Amino acid sequence: QLHRVDEPGMPPGQRLSGAALIAAMPEMLRPLLPGVWRTAEALTGQAGDALLAGDMALLARVAHTVRGMAANYAMPEWAACAAALECSARYADRDTASDALAWLRAALSALSVLLGQSGQPNQPSQPGQSGQSGQSDQSS
């Protein structure tokens, strides 16, 4: 079930939706999404490095951190997948860990698309795009 997320031939209706990932998130937390995305991106990178190195103890710790972050921001699907990654790391199941990590990467990508398309309230720039717009029309 998890490894299907990363298959390029999946019908568009079965791809991850950034909006669905944050559906349960309270509105007051949504302005924090760019920071959540950056943290999740760094943690997902660490998880990938740990998996490649075969360091399952580190992978379990990183997955635990992702799970807690996702739970704190009311992202239950992301938290559940991080829990699957943590569990697979604790049992040294590299295949399942790889599948769960692929899901987390797809979720990160879906969230990135959401942030890139609509931005977030009270956020002057989108992740990865700071300084690209020279159109500051704030003249008095």
C-alpha atoms as a PDB file:
ATOM      1  CA  GLN A   1       0.000   0.000   0.000  1.00  0.00           C
ATOM      2  CA  LEU A   2       2.724   2.513   0.918  1.00  0.00           C
ATOM      3  CA  HIS A   3       5.040   1.773  -1.997  1.00  0.00           C
ATOM      4  CA  ARG A   4       2.313   2.608  -4.530  1.00  0.00           C
ATOM      5  CA  VAL A   5       2.647   6.278  -3.641  1.00  0.00           C
ATOM      6  CA  ASP A   6       5.912   6.574  -5.521  1.00  0.00           C
ATOM      7  CA  GLU A   7       4.836   4.795  -8.720  1.00  0.00           C
ATOM      8  CA  PRO A   8       4.892   7.213 -11.668  1.00  0.00           C
ATOM      9  CA  GLY A   9       2.060   5.429 -13.546  1.00  0.00           C
ATOM     10  CA  MET A  10      -0.570   5.983 -10.849  1.00  0.00           C
ATOM     11  CA  PRO A  11      -3.773   7.715 -11.938  1.00  0.00           C
ATOM     12  CA  PRO A  12      -3.816  11.383 -10.870  1.00  0.00           C
ATOM     13  CA  GLY A  13      -6.773  10.841  -8.521  1.00  0.00           C
ATOM     14  CA  GLN A  14      -4.672   8.498  -6.406  1.00  0.00           C
ATOM     15  CA  ARG A  15      -1.738  10.845  -5.903  1.00  0.00           C
ATOM     16  CA  LEU A  16      -1.243  12.592  -2.588  1.00  0.00           C
ATOM     17  CA  SER A  17      -2.977  15.883  -1.995  1.00  0.00           C
ATOM     18  CA  GLY A  18      -1.272  18.532   0.089  1.00  0.00           C
ATOM     19  CA  ALA A  19      -4.697  19.910   1.016  1.00  0.00           C
ATOM     20  CA  ALA A  20      -5.764  16.488   2.300  1.00  0.00           C
ATOM     21  CA  LEU A  21      -2.553  16.180   4.329  1.00  0.00           C
ATOM     22  CA  ILE A  22      -3.323  19.374   6.237  1.00  0.00           C
ATOM     23  CA  ALA A  23      -7.122  19.067   6.334  1.00  0.00           C
ATOM     24  CA  ALA A  24      -7.204  18.475  10.103  1.00  0.00           C
ATOM     25  CA  MET A  25      -4.691  21.244  10.868  1.00  0.00           C
ATOM     26  CA  PRO A  26      -6.247  24.166  12.773  1.00  0.00           C
ATOM     27  CA  GLU A  27      -6.229  27.435  10.823  1.00  0.00           C
ATOM     28  CA  MET A  28      -4.088  29.118  13.467  1.00  0.00           C
ATOM     29  CA  LEU A  29      -1.229  26.677  12.704  1.00  0.00           C
ATOM     30  CA  ARG A  30      -1.327  27.015   8.912  1.00  0.00           C
ATOM     31  CA  PRO A  31       0.933  30.088   8.762  1.00  0.00           C
ATOM     32  CA  LEU A  32       3.628  27.834  10.243  1.00  0.00           C
ATOM     33  CA  LEU A  33       3.511  25.429   7.284  1.00  0.00           C
ATOM     34  CA  PRO A  34       6.595  26.762   5.473  1.00  0.00           C
ATOM     35  CA  GLY A  35       8.685  26.123   8.592  1.00  0.00           C
ATOM     36  CA  VAL A  36       7.090  22.705   9.064  1.00  0.00           C
ATOM     37  CA  TRP A  37       7.934  21.926   5.428  1.00  0.00           C
ATOM     38  CA  ARG A  38      11.576  22.973   5.857  1.00  0.00           C
ATOM     39  CA  THR A  39      11.938  20.899   9.018  1.00  0.00           C
ATOM     40  CA  ALA A  40      10.248  17.903   7.396  1.00  0.00           C
ATOM     41  CA  GLU A  41      12.503  18.249   4.362  1.00  0.00           C
ATOM     42  CA  ALA A  42      15.617  18.170   6.563  1.00  0.00           C
ATOM     43  CA  LEU A  43      14.341  15.219   8.598  1.00  0.00           C
ATOM     44  CA  THR A  44      13.368  13.277   5.490  1.00  0.00           C
ATOM     45  CA  GLY A  45      16.876  13.832   4.148  1.00  0.00           C
ATOM     46  CA  GLN A  46      18.350  12.555   7.402  1.00  0.00           C
ATOM     47  CA  ALA A  47      16.075   9.515   7.244  1.00  0.00           C
ATOM     48  CA  GLY A  48      17.214   8.783   3.693  1.00  0.00           C
ATOM     49  CA  ASP A  49      20.861   9.070   4.698  1.00  0.00           C
ATOM     50  CA  ALA A  50      20.298   6.774   7.681  1.00  0.00           C
ATOM     51  CA  LEU A  51      18.544   4.187   5.512  1.00  0.00           C
ATOM     52  CA  LEU A  52      21.331   4.269   2.922  1.00  0.00           C
ATOM     53  CA  ALA A  53      23.917   3.837   5.672  1.00  0.00           C
ATOM     54  CA  GLY A  54      21.908   1.018   7.226  1.00  0.00           C
ATOM     55  CA  ASP A  55      21.750   2.925  10.515  1.00  0.00           C
ATOM     56  CA  MET A  56      18.362   1.679  11.639  1.00  0.00           C
ATOM     57  CA  ALA A  57      18.703   3.142  15.149  1.00  0.00           C
ATOM     58  CA  LEU A  58      19.173   6.637  13.713  1.00  0.00           C
ATOM     59  CA  LEU A  59      16.367   6.028  11.233  1.00  0.00           C
ATOM     60  CA  ALA A  60      14.021   5.070  14.084  1.00  0.00           C
ATOM     61  CA  ARG A  61      14.946   8.235  16.027  1.00  0.00           C
ATOM     62  CA  VAL A  62      14.424  10.493  13.018  1.00  0.00           C
ATOM     63  CA  ALA A  63      11.102   8.790  12.201  1.00  0.00           C
ATOM     64  CA  HIS A  64      10.021   9.252  15.822  1.00  0.00           C
ATOM     65  CA  THR A  65      10.778  12.973  15.534  1.00  0.00           C
ATOM     66  CA  VAL A  66       8.794  13.237  12.280  1.00  0.00           C
ATOM     67  CA  ARG A  67       5.898  11.362  13.870  1.00  0.00           C
ATOM     68  CA  GLY A  68       5.816  13.764  16.818  1.00  0.00           C
ATOM     69  CA  MET A  69       6.012  16.812  14.581  1.00  0.00           C
ATOM     70  CA  ALA A  70       3.210  15.529  12.356  1.00  0.00           C
ATOM     71  CA  ALA A  71       1.040  14.733  15.368  1.00  0.00           C
ATOM     72  CA  ASN A  72       1.666  18.186  16.869  1.00  0.00           C
ATOM     73  CA  TYR A  73       0.525  19.822  13.634  1.00  0.00           C
ATOM     74  CA  ALA A  74      -2.550  17.581  13.255  1.00  0.00           C
ATOM     75  CA  MET A  75      -1.295  15.693  10.199  1.00  0.00           C
ATOM     76  CA  PRO A  76      -2.490  12.155  11.040  1.00  0.00           C
ATOM     77  CA  GLU A  77      -1.610  10.488   7.713  1.00  0.00           C
ATOM     78  CA  TRP A  78       1.926  11.797   7.888  1.00  0.00           C
ATOM     79  CA  ALA A  79       2.196  10.757  11.547  1.00  0.00           C
ATOM     80  CA  ALA A  80       0.953   7.247  10.736  1.00  0.00           C
ATOM     81  CA  CYS A  81       3.494   6.829   7.965  1.00  0.00           C
ATOM     82  CA  ALA A  82       6.287   8.109  10.186  1.00  0.00           C
ATOM     83  CA  ALA A  83       5.156   5.553  12.776  1.00  0.00           C
ATOM     84  CA  ALA A  84       5.388   2.842  10.093  1.00  0.00           C
ATOM     85  CA  LEU A  85       8.899   4.055   9.262  1.00  0.00           C
ATOM     86  CA  GLU A  86       9.862   4.031  12.926  1.00  0.00           C
ATOM     87  CA  CYS A  87       8.478   0.525  13.435  1.00  0.00           C
ATOM     88  CA  SER A  88      10.148  -0.858  10.317  1.00  0.00           C
ATOM     89  CA  ALA A  89      13.459   0.680  11.419  1.00  0.00           C
ATOM     90  CA  ARG A  90      13.157  -0.887  14.872  1.00  0.00           C
ATOM     91  CA  TYR A  91      12.626  -4.297  13.229  1.00  0.00           C
ATOM     92  CA  ALA A  92      15.390  -3.615  10.677  1.00  0.00           C
ATOM     93  CA  ASP A  93      12.952  -4.127   7.794  1.00  0.00           C
ATOM     94  CA  ARG A  94      14.694  -2.150   5.058  1.00  0.00           C
ATOM     95  CA  ASP A  95      12.062  -2.811   2.374  1.00  0.00           C
ATOM     96  CA  THR A  96       9.172  -1.540   4.479  1.00  0.00           C
ATOM     97  CA  ALA A  97      11.291   1.374   5.679  1.00  0.00           C
ATOM     98  CA  SER A  98      12.057   2.255   2.079  1.00  0.00           C
ATOM     99  CA  ASP A  99       8.342   2.172   1.223  1.00  0.00           C
ATOM    100  CA  ALA A 100       7.444   4.374   4.197  1.00  0.00           C
ATOM    101  CA  LEU A 101      10.220   6.807   3.322  1.00  0.00           C
ATOM    102  CA  ALA A 102       8.935   7.002  -0.251  1.00  0.00           C
ATOM    103  CA  TRP A 103       5.529   7.930   1.153  1.00  0.00           C
ATOM    104  CA  LEU A 104       7.042  10.639   3.351  1.00  0.00           C
ATOM    105  CA  ARG A 105       8.916  12.047   0.350  1.00  0.00           C
ATOM    106  CA  ALA A 106       5.707  12.045  -1.701  1.00  0.00           C
ATOM    107  CA  ALA A 107       3.880  13.787   1.150  1.00  0.00           C
ATOM    108  CA  LEU A 108       6.637  16.384   1.330  1.00  0.00           C
ATOM    109  CA  SER A 109       6.359  16.917  -2.405  1.00  0.00           C
ATOM    110  CA  ALA A 110       2.565  17.285  -2.175  1.00  0.00           C
ATOM    111  CA  LEU A 111       2.947  19.841   0.603  1.00  0.00           C
ATOM    112  CA  SER A 112       5.541  21.684  -1.465  1.00  0.00           C
ATOM    113  CA  VAL A 113       3.105  21.919  -4.363  1.00  0.00           C
ATOM    114  CA  LEU A 114       0.429  23.259  -2.031  1.00  0.00           C
ATOM    115  CA  LEU A 115       2.771  25.923  -0.675  1.00  0.00           C
ATOM    116  CA  GLY A 116       4.027  26.812  -4.140  1.00  0.00           C
ATOM    117  CA  GLN A 117       0.560  27.182  -5.616  1.00  0.00           C
ATOM    118  CA  SER A 118      -1.257  29.102  -2.956  1.00  0.00           C
ATOM    119  CA  GLY A 119       1.319  30.262  -0.431  1.00  0.00           C
ATOM    120  CA  GLN A 120       0.231  30.738   3.138  1.00  0.00           C
ATOM    121  CA  PRO A 121      -1.381  33.646   4.953  1.00  0.00           C
ATOM    122  CA  ASN A 122       1.101  36.105   6.464  1.00  0.00           C
ATOM    123  CA  GLN A 123       4.002  34.605   4.500  1.00  0.00           C
ATOM    124  CA  PRO A 124       5.810  37.109   2.256  1.00  0.00           C
ATOM    125  CA  SER A 125       7.583  34.470   0.198  1.00  0.00           C
ATOM    126  CA  GLN A 126       7.250  30.809  -0.643  1.00  0.00           C
ATOM    127  CA  PRO A 127       9.863  28.166   0.262  1.00  0.00           C
ATOM    128  CA  GLY A 128      12.744  28.216  -2.163  1.00  0.00           C
ATOM    129  CA  GLN A 129      11.575  31.430  -3.827  1.00  0.00           C
ATOM    130  CA  SER A 130      12.803  34.181  -1.545  1.00  0.00           C
ATOM    131  CA  GLY A 131      14.250  37.119  -3.379  1.00  0.00           C
ATOM    132  CA  GLN A 132      12.948  36.057  -6.793  1.00  0.00           C
ATOM    133  CA  SER A 133      10.311  38.723  -7.092  1.00  0.00           C
ATOM    134  CA  GLY A 134      11.576  42.223  -7.723  1.00  0.00           C
ATOM    135  CA  GLN A 135       8.043  43.622  -7.703  1.00  0.00           C
ATOM    136  CA  SER A 136       7.734  45.264  -4.321  1.00  0.00           C
ATOM    137  CA  ASP A 137       4.863  47.649  -4.958  1.00  0.00           C
ATOM    138  CA  GLN A 138       4.820  49.229  -1.510  1.00  0.00           C
ATOM    139  CA  SER A 139       5.146  52.891  -2.533  1.00  0.00           C
ATOM    140  CA  SER A 140       3.130  55.489  -0.579  1.00  0.00           C
END
